[in-house]
Amino acid sequence: MAKDDKGASRRDFLKLASVSAPAAAVAVVAAPQAAEAASEQGGGDGLRDTPHTRAYFETARF
């Protein structure tokens, strides 16, 4: 009996679909939350003066 190449590609497609569908659902749910977090931070570019950044600059002095 000859091996059917269509069967292998169907299996590969189903494997990919079973992994990518939940990943796509997570991306859809996480995208609005990430946008909200960015808007809460001010959304501007650049360095913000926070205790964390001050501590970094204190330890990075030469």
PDB file of N, CA and C in Angstrom:
ATOM      1  N   MET A   1       0.823  -1.173   0.000  1.00  0.00           N
ATOM      2  CA  MET A   1       0.000   0.000   0.000  1.00  0.00           C
ATOM      3  C   MET A   1       0.877   1.249   0.000  1.00  0.00           C
ATOM      4  N   ALA A   2       0.540   2.217  -0.811  1.00  0.00           N
ATOM      5  CA  ALA A   2       1.313   3.446  -0.905  1.00  0.00           C
ATOM      6  C   ALA A   2       0.889   4.406   0.201  1.00  0.00           C
ATOM      7  N   LYS A   3       1.887   5.159   0.655  1.00  0.00           N
ATOM      8  CA  LYS A   3       1.602   6.132   1.706  1.00  0.00           C
ATOM      9  C   LYS A   3       0.933   7.353   1.084  1.00  0.00           C
ATOM     10  N   ASP A   4      -0.129   7.817   1.737  1.00  0.00           N
ATOM     11  CA  ASP A   4      -0.876   8.967   1.239  1.00  0.00           C
ATOM     12  C   ASP A   4      -0.299  10.234   1.876  1.00  0.00           C
ATOM     13  N   ASP A   5       0.241  11.141   1.076  1.00  0.00           N
ATOM     14  CA  ASP A   5       0.844  12.364   1.592  1.00  0.00           C
ATOM     15  C   ASP A   5      -0.191  13.321   2.167  1.00  0.00           C
ATOM     16  N   LYS A   6      -1.424  13.226   1.719  1.00  0.00           N
ATOM     17  CA  LYS A   6      -2.464  14.115   2.220  1.00  0.00           C
ATOM     18  C   LYS A   6      -2.752  13.847   3.694  1.00  0.00           C
ATOM     19  N   GLY A   7      -2.664  12.599   4.109  1.00  0.00           N
ATOM     20  CA  GLY A   7      -2.928  12.259   5.501  1.00  0.00           C
ATOM     21  C   GLY A   7      -1.931  12.903   6.439  1.00  0.00           C
ATOM     22  N   ALA A   8      -0.670  12.919   6.065  1.00  0.00           N
ATOM     23  CA  ALA A   8       0.353  13.521   6.908  1.00  0.00           C
ATOM     24  C   ALA A   8       0.137  15.027   7.011  1.00  0.00           C
ATOM     25  N   SER A   9      -0.197  15.669   5.929  1.00  0.00           N
ATOM     26  CA  SER A   9      -0.390  17.109   5.988  1.00  0.00           C
ATOM     27  C   SER A   9      -1.647  17.467   6.788  1.00  0.00           C
ATOM     28  N   ARG A  10      -2.644  16.623   6.728  1.00  0.00           N
ATOM     29  CA  ARG A  10      -3.843  16.868   7.542  1.00  0.00           C
ATOM     30  C   ARG A  10      -3.517  16.764   9.017  1.00  0.00           C
ATOM     31  N   ARG A  11      -2.718  15.755   9.367  1.00  0.00           N
ATOM     32  CA  ARG A  11      -2.334  15.601  10.769  1.00  0.00           C
ATOM     33  C   ARG A  11      -1.520  16.798  11.238  1.00  0.00           C
ATOM     34  N   ASP A  12      -0.597  17.241  10.404  1.00  0.00           N
ATOM     35  CA  ASP A  12       0.206  18.402  10.769  1.00  0.00           C
ATOM     36  C   ASP A  12      -0.668  19.634  10.937  1.00  0.00           C
ATOM     37  N   PHE A  13      -1.638  19.790  10.049  1.00  0.00           N
ATOM     38  CA  PHE A  13      -2.549  20.934  10.153  1.00  0.00           C
ATOM     39  C   PHE A  13      -3.350  20.872  11.449  1.00  0.00           C
ATOM     40  N   LEU A  14      -3.852  19.709  11.793  1.00  0.00           N
ATOM     41  CA  LEU A  14      -4.649  19.583  13.010  1.00  0.00           C
ATOM     42  C   LEU A  14      -3.806  19.819  14.257  1.00  0.00           C
ATOM     43  N   LYS A  15      -2.553  19.371  14.231  1.00  0.00           N
ATOM     44  CA  LYS A  15      -1.665  19.640  15.362  1.00  0.00           C
ATOM     45  C   LYS A  15      -1.442  21.139  15.514  1.00  0.00           C
ATOM     46  N   LEU A  16      -1.180  21.786  14.404  1.00  0.00           N
ATOM     47  CA  LEU A  16      -0.947  23.223  14.430  1.00  0.00           C
ATOM     48  C   LEU A  16      -2.201  23.971  14.869  1.00  0.00           C
ATOM     49  N   ALA A  17      -3.344  23.563  14.377  1.00  0.00           N
ATOM     50  CA  ALA A  17      -4.598  24.230  14.734  1.00  0.00           C
ATOM     51  C   ALA A  17      -4.909  24.058  16.220  1.00  0.00           C
ATOM     52  N   SER A  18      -4.599  22.888  16.773  1.00  0.00           N
ATOM     53  CA  SER A  18      -4.899  22.664  18.186  1.00  0.00           C
ATOM     54  C   SER A  18      -3.999  23.483  19.096  1.00  0.00           C
ATOM     55  N   VAL A  19      -2.833  23.865  18.619  1.00  0.00           N
ATOM     56  CA  VAL A  19      -1.927  24.681  19.421  1.00  0.00           C
ATOM     57  C   VAL A  19      -2.177  26.161  19.192  1.00  0.00           C
ATOM     58  N   SER A  20      -2.448  26.538  17.952  1.00  0.00           N
ATOM     59  CA  SER A  20      -2.555  27.960  17.639  1.00  0.00           C
ATOM     60  C   SER A  20      -3.897  28.580  18.066  1.00  0.00           C
ATOM     61  N   ALA A  21      -4.943  27.815  18.113  1.00  0.00           N
ATOM     62  CA  ALA A  21      -6.239  28.371  18.505  1.00  0.00           C
ATOM     63  C   ALA A  21      -6.225  28.882  19.949  1.00  0.00           C
ATOM     64  N   PRO A  22      -5.739  28.115  20.919  1.00  0.00           N
ATOM     65  CA  PRO A  22      -5.674  28.670  22.280  1.00  0.00           C
ATOM     66  C   PRO A  22      -4.705  29.837  22.391  1.00  0.00           C
ATOM     67  N   ALA A  23      -3.613  29.799  21.638  1.00  0.00           N
ATOM     68  CA  ALA A  23      -2.656  30.909  21.675  1.00  0.00           C
ATOM     69  C   ALA A  23      -3.295  32.182  21.126  1.00  0.00           C
ATOM     70  N   ALA A  24      -4.086  32.054  20.088  1.00  0.00           N
ATOM     71  CA  ALA A  24      -4.767  33.218  19.529  1.00  0.00           C
ATOM     72  C   ALA A  24      -5.791  33.766  20.522  1.00  0.00           C
ATOM     73  N   ALA A  25      -6.464  32.885  21.234  1.00  0.00           N
ATOM     74  CA  ALA A  25      -7.447  33.328  22.221  1.00  0.00           C
ATOM     75  C   ALA A  25      -6.763  34.085  23.360  1.00  0.00           C
ATOM     76  N   VAL A  26      -5.613  33.617  23.778  1.00  0.00           N
ATOM     77  CA  VAL A  26      -4.872  34.309  24.837  1.00  0.00           C
ATOM     78  C   VAL A  26      -4.423  35.676  24.350  1.00  0.00           C
ATOM     79  N   ALA A  27      -3.985  35.764  23.100  1.00  0.00           N
ATOM     80  CA  ALA A  27      -3.540  37.045  22.556  1.00  0.00           C
ATOM     81  C   ALA A  27      -4.691  38.043  22.483  1.00  0.00           C
ATOM     82  N   VAL A  28      -5.865  37.573  22.158  1.00  0.00           N
ATOM     83  CA  VAL A  28      -7.025  38.459  22.063  1.00  0.00           C
ATOM     84  C   VAL A  28      -7.409  38.972  23.447  1.00  0.00           C
ATOM     85  N   VAL A  29      -7.320  38.134  24.448  1.00  0.00           N
ATOM     86  CA  VAL A  29      -7.675  38.531  25.808  1.00  0.00           C
ATOM     87  C   VAL A  29      -6.607  39.447  26.396  1.00  0.00           C
ATOM     88  N   ALA A  30      -5.335  39.185  26.117  1.00  0.00           N
ATOM     89  CA  ALA A  30      -4.242  39.945  26.718  1.00  0.00           C
ATOM     90  C   ALA A  30      -4.048  41.304  26.066  1.00  0.00           C
ATOM     91  N   ALA A  31      -4.422  41.475  24.822  1.00  0.00           N
ATOM     92  CA  ALA A  31      -4.174  42.738  24.117  1.00  0.00           C
ATOM     93  C   ALA A  31      -4.869  43.933  24.775  1.00  0.00           C
ATOM     94  N   PRO A  32      -6.146  43.853  25.128  1.00  0.00           N
ATOM     95  CA  PRO A  32      -6.768  45.012  25.790  1.00  0.00           C
ATOM     96  C   PRO A  32      -6.149  45.318  27.155  1.00  0.00           C
ATOM     97  N   GLN A  33      -5.733  44.288  27.874  1.00  0.00           N
ATOM     98  CA  GLN A  33      -5.121  44.509  29.178  1.00  0.00           C
ATOM     99  C   GLN A  33      -3.776  45.202  29.027  1.00  0.00           C
ATOM    100  N   ALA A  34      -3.007  44.844  28.011  1.00  0.00           N
ATOM    101  CA  ALA A  34      -1.716  45.484  27.772  1.00  0.00           C
ATOM    102  C   ALA A  34      -1.916  46.939  27.364  1.00  0.00           C
ATOM    103  N   ALA A  35      -2.933  47.203  26.588  1.00  0.00           N
ATOM    104  CA  ALA A  35      -3.208  48.583  26.173  1.00  0.00           C
ATOM    105  C   ALA A  35      -3.621  49.432  27.376  1.00  0.00           C
ATOM    106  N   GLU A  36      -4.395  48.871  28.282  1.00  0.00           N
ATOM    107  CA  GLU A  36      -4.792  49.604  29.481  1.00  0.00           C
ATOM    108  C   GLU A  36      -3.587  49.904  30.359  1.00  0.00           C
ATOM    109  N   ALA A  37      -2.681  48.936  30.488  1.00  0.00           N
ATOM    110  CA  ALA A  37      -1.495  49.141  31.311  1.00  0.00           C
ATOM    111  C   ALA A  37      -0.618  50.239  30.720  1.00  0.00           C
ATOM    112  N   ALA A  38      -0.507  50.278  29.405  1.00  0.00           N
ATOM    113  CA  ALA A  38       0.301  51.315  28.760  1.00  0.00           C
ATOM    114  C   ALA A  38      -0.327  52.686  28.930  1.00  0.00           C
ATOM    115  N   SER A  39      -1.654  52.758  28.866  1.00  0.00           N
ATOM    116  CA  SER A  39      -2.306  54.057  29.007  1.00  0.00           C
ATOM    117  C   SER A  39      -2.234  54.559  30.448  1.00  0.00           C
ATOM    118  N   GLU A  40      -2.200  53.673  31.423  1.00  0.00           N
ATOM    119  CA  GLU A  40      -2.094  54.077  32.816  1.00  0.00           C
ATOM    120  C   GLU A  40      -0.718  54.649  33.128  1.00  0.00           C
ATOM    121  N   GLN A  41       0.290  54.222  32.392  1.00  0.00           N
ATOM    122  CA  GLN A  41       1.650  54.689  32.630  1.00  0.00           C
ATOM    123  C   GLN A  41       1.909  56.036  31.977  1.00  0.00           C
ATOM    124  N   GLY A  42       0.988  56.566  31.273  1.00  0.00           N
ATOM    125  CA  GLY A  42       1.172  57.855  30.645  1.00  0.00           C
ATOM    126  C   GLY A  42       1.383  57.743  29.154  1.00  0.00           C
ATOM    127  N   GLY A  43       1.843  56.598  28.690  1.00  0.00           N
ATOM    128  CA  GLY A  43       1.978  56.368  27.272  1.00  0.00           C
ATOM    129  C   GLY A  43       3.100  57.129  26.601  1.00  0.00           C
ATOM    130  N   GLY A  44       3.839  57.984  27.326  1.00  0.00           N
ATOM    131  CA  GLY A  44       4.906  58.757  26.715  1.00  0.00           C
ATOM    132  C   GLY A  44       6.205  57.967  26.632  1.00  0.00           C
ATOM    133  N   ASP A  45       7.035  58.363  25.703  1.00  0.00           N
ATOM    134  CA  ASP A  45       8.343  57.733  25.588  1.00  0.00           C
ATOM    135  C   ASP A  45       9.311  58.419  26.540  1.00  0.00           C
ATOM    136  N   GLY A  46      10.346  57.713  26.878  1.00  0.00           N
ATOM    137  CA  GLY A  46      11.375  58.319  27.702  1.00  0.00           C
ATOM    138  C   GLY A  46      11.469  57.676  29.064  1.00  0.00           C
ATOM    139  N   LEU A  47      12.429  58.136  29.798  1.00  0.00           N
ATOM    140  CA  LEU A  47      12.719  57.596  31.118  1.00  0.00           C
ATOM    141  C   LEU A  47      11.941  58.360  32.181  1.00  0.00           C
ATOM    142  N   ARG A  48      11.335  57.626  33.080  1.00  0.00           N
ATOM    143  CA  ARG A  48      10.588  58.256  34.165  1.00  0.00           C
ATOM    144  C   ARG A  48      11.447  58.259  35.430  1.00  0.00           C
ATOM    145  N   ASP A  49      11.326  59.275  36.212  1.00  0.00           N
ATOM    146  CA  ASP A  49      12.086  59.387  37.445  1.00  0.00           C
ATOM    147  C   ASP A  49      11.339  58.655  38.547  1.00  0.00           C
ATOM    148  N   THR A  50      11.775  57.449  38.824  1.00  0.00           N
ATOM    149  CA  THR A  50      11.154  56.626  39.856  1.00  0.00           C
ATOM    150  C   THR A  50      12.228  56.165  40.827  1.00  0.00           C
ATOM    151  N   PRO A  51      11.850  55.687  41.996  1.00  0.00           N
ATOM    152  CA  PRO A  51      12.854  55.156  42.926  1.00  0.00           C
ATOM    153  C   PRO A  51      13.668  54.008  42.308  1.00  0.00           C
ATOM    154  N   HIS A  52      13.026  53.234  41.474  1.00  0.00           N
ATOM    155  CA  HIS A  52      13.730  52.129  40.826  1.00  0.00           C
ATOM    156  C   HIS A  52      14.846  52.638  39.919  1.00  0.00           C
ATOM    157  N   THR A  53      14.542  53.650  39.096  1.00  0.00           N
ATOM    158  CA  THR A  53      15.567  54.173  38.192  1.00  0.00           C
ATOM    159  C   THR A  53      16.645  54.920  38.969  1.00  0.00           C
ATOM    160  N   ARG A  54      16.271  55.601  40.043  1.00  0.00           N
ATOM    161  CA  ARG A  54      17.285  56.281  40.864  1.00  0.00           C
ATOM    162  C   ARG A  54      18.247  55.270  41.482  1.00  0.00           C
ATOM    163  N   ALA A  55      17.714  54.147  41.978  1.00  0.00           N
ATOM    164  CA  ALA A  55      18.560  53.107  42.564  1.00  0.00           C
ATOM    165  C   ALA A  55      19.506  52.525  41.523  1.00  0.00           C
ATOM    166  N   TYR A  56      19.024  52.349  40.317  1.00  0.00           N
ATOM    167  CA  TYR A  56      19.884  51.829  39.243  1.00  0.00           C
ATOM    168  C   TYR A  56      21.012  52.797  38.956  1.00  0.00           C
ATOM    169  N   PHE A  57      20.702  54.081  38.830  1.00  0.00           N
ATOM    170  CA  PHE A  57      21.733  55.062  38.517  1.00  0.00           C
ATOM    171  C   PHE A  57      22.745  55.193  39.662  1.00  0.00           C
ATOM    172  N   GLU A  58      22.294  55.041  40.901  1.00  0.00           N
ATOM    173  CA  GLU A  58      23.212  55.088  42.019  1.00  0.00           C
ATOM    174  C   GLU A  58      24.208  53.933  41.974  1.00  0.00           C
ATOM    175  N   THR A  59      23.741  52.751  41.620  1.00  0.00           N
ATOM    176  CA  THR A  59      24.627  51.584  41.574  1.00  0.00           C
ATOM    177  C   THR A  59      25.465  51.551  40.314  1.00  0.00           C
ATOM    178  N   ALA A  60      25.094  52.282  39.272  1.00  0.00           N
ATOM    179  CA  ALA A  60      25.829  52.237  38.012  1.00  0.00           C
ATOM    180  C   ALA A  60      26.870  53.340  37.890  1.00  0.00           C
ATOM    181  N   ARG A  61      27.064  54.143  38.922  1.00  0.00           N
ATOM    182  CA  ARG A  61      28.044  55.229  38.851  1.00  0.00           C
ATOM    183  C   ARG A  61      29.461  54.651  38.857  1.00  0.00           C
ATOM    184  N   PHE A  62      30.326  55.308  38.103  1.00  0.00           N
ATOM    185  CA  PHE A  62      31.721  54.859  37.992  1.00  0.00           C
ATOM    186  C   PHE A  62      32.633  55.754  38.779  1.00  0.00           C
TER     187      PHE A  62
END
